[in-house]
Protein backbone atom coordinates (compact mmCIF):
# COMPACT_ATOMS: atom_id res chain seq x y z
CA UNK A 1 -18.00 6.52 18.37
CA UNK A 2 -15.49 5.77 15.62
CA UNK A 3 -12.85 3.07 15.86
CA UNK A 4 -9.58 3.83 14.11
CA UNK A 5 -6.07 2.40 13.79
CA UNK A 6 -3.25 4.45 12.33
CA UNK A 7 0.21 3.44 11.07
CA UNK A 8 2.80 6.16 10.85
CA UNK A 9 6.56 6.68 11.07
CA UNK A 10 6.37 8.58 14.36
CA UNK A 11 9.09 7.48 16.74
CA UNK A 12 11.26 5.98 14.01
CA UNK A 13 13.81 8.79 13.80
CA UNK A 14 16.56 6.75 12.13
CA UNK A 15 14.14 5.54 9.50
CA UNK A 16 12.77 9.04 8.98
CA UNK A 17 16.29 10.31 8.20
CA UNK A 18 16.92 7.42 5.84
CA UNK A 19 13.63 8.06 4.04
CA UNK A 20 14.93 11.33 2.68
CA UNK A 21 16.10 9.16 -0.20
CA UNK A 22 13.38 9.02 -2.88
CA UNK A 23 13.95 5.31 -3.49
CA UNK A 24 13.52 4.39 0.18
CA UNK A 25 10.54 6.71 0.53
CA UNK A 26 8.81 4.98 -2.39
CA UNK A 27 9.47 1.59 -0.79
CA UNK A 28 8.06 2.84 2.52
CA UNK A 29 4.98 4.12 0.68
CA UNK A 30 4.42 0.66 -0.79
CA UNK A 31 4.86 -0.98 2.62
CA UNK A 32 2.38 1.38 4.30
CA UNK A 33 -0.15 1.03 1.47
CA UNK A 34 0.11 -2.77 1.45
CA UNK A 35 -0.25 -3.21 5.21
CA UNK A 36 -3.08 -0.67 5.45
CA UNK A 37 -5.02 -2.60 2.80
CA UNK A 38 -4.16 -5.89 4.53
CA UNK A 39 -5.43 -4.57 7.87
CA UNK A 40 -8.66 -3.41 6.24
CA UNK A 41 -9.19 -6.77 4.54
CA UNK A 42 -8.50 -8.76 7.70
CA UNK A 43 -10.74 -6.56 9.84
CA UNK A 44 -13.54 -6.86 7.26
CA UNK A 45 -13.36 -10.64 7.62
CA UNK A 46 -13.67 -10.36 11.40
CA UNK A 47 -16.31 -7.63 11.77
CA UNK A 48 -19.59 -9.05 13.12
CA UNK A 49 -22.44 -8.63 10.65
CA UNK A 50 -26.04 -8.17 11.65
CA UNK A 51 -27.33 -5.55 9.22
CA UNK A 52 -24.06 -4.93 7.34
CA UNK A 53 -23.89 -1.24 8.29
CA UNK A 54 -20.80 -1.64 10.48
CA UNK A 55 -18.96 -3.60 7.81
CA UNK A 56 -19.83 -1.05 5.11
CA UNK A 57 -18.61 1.79 7.33
CA UNK A 58 -15.03 0.50 7.24
CA UNK A 59 -12.59 2.51 5.15
CA UNK A 60 -8.85 2.45 4.58
CA UNK A 61 -6.98 5.67 3.81
CA UNK A 62 -3.34 6.35 3.15
CA UNK A 63 -1.41 9.60 3.15
CA UNK A 64 1.73 8.42 1.43
CA UNK A 65 3.42 11.81 1.60
CA UNK A 66 3.31 11.57 5.39
CA UNK A 67 3.67 7.75 5.36
CA UNK A 68 0.43 7.18 7.24
CA UNK A 69 -2.23 4.56 6.81
CA UNK A 70 -5.57 4.46 8.63
CA UNK A 71 -8.36 1.94 8.92
CA UNK A 72 -11.52 3.38 10.38
CA UNK A 73 -15.04 2.15 11.09
CA UNK A 74 -17.40 5.12 11.29
CA UNK A 75 -20.68 3.48 12.33
CA UNK A 76 -21.94 5.22 15.45
CA UNK A 77 -21.71 2.00 17.44
CA UNK A 78 -18.35 0.73 16.10
CA UNK A 79 -16.50 1.36 19.35
CA UNK A 80 -19.17 -0.37 21.41
CA UNK A 81 -18.93 -3.50 19.27
CA UNK A 82 -15.11 -3.47 19.38
CA UNK A 83 -14.75 -2.82 23.11
CA UNK A 84 -18.13 -3.89 24.52
CA UNK A 85 -20.27 -2.21 27.15
CA UNK A 86 -21.42 -3.19 30.58
CA UNK A 87 -24.47 -4.76 28.89
CA UNK A 88 -22.77 -6.31 25.88
CA UNK A 89 -19.63 -8.38 25.45
CA UNK A 90 -16.95 -7.06 23.13
CA UNK A 91 -16.77 -8.51 19.63
CA UNK A 92 -13.34 -7.23 18.59
CA UNK A 93 -12.57 -7.09 14.90
CA UNK A 94 -10.01 -4.32 14.43
CA UNK A 95 -7.56 -5.04 17.25
CA UNK A 96 -7.22 -8.77 16.41
CA UNK A 97 -6.63 -7.84 12.77
CA UNK A 98 -3.98 -5.32 13.86
CA UNK A 99 -2.28 -7.98 15.97
CA UNK A 100 -2.05 -10.17 12.86
CA UNK A 101 -0.67 -7.42 10.59
CA UNK A 102 1.68 -5.70 13.02
CA UNK A 103 4.56 -8.24 13.04
CA UNK A 104 4.86 -8.20 9.24
CA UNK A 105 4.67 -4.39 9.14
CA UNK A 106 7.38 -4.04 11.77
CA UNK A 107 9.56 -6.61 9.99
CA UNK A 108 9.20 -4.83 6.64
CA UNK A 109 10.04 -1.46 8.18
CA UNK A 110 13.08 -2.94 9.93
CA UNK A 111 14.31 -4.37 6.61
CA UNK A 112 13.85 -0.98 5.02
CA UNK A 113 15.74 0.66 7.88
CA UNK A 114 18.62 -1.78 7.35
CA UNK A 115 18.72 -0.87 3.66
CA UNK A 116 18.87 2.82 4.50
CA UNK A 117 21.34 2.53 7.37
């Protein structure tokens, strides 16, 4: 059970139109890359470590052409640790990190939208 968070421009139609400009698209690429790396770093600090396998399974990927960033933990038990089970309490690491990164990401994208609009 993988755990994954994805940033993308879906639902931001005004911004998507504005990003037709190469300059704005490059700025959006930098924003997505920065916040994807920040999310990965913050989640790595929060992930519970017993053997280290879960922490090592974390990866950050960006598709800058599509303006997407993903942070994923691929250990078989990643979802169980994040969300818990009926036998085990949750030990969230990805969602709290996302909650820390999200306000800055939204603010940066709003600033970019203002530049393009």
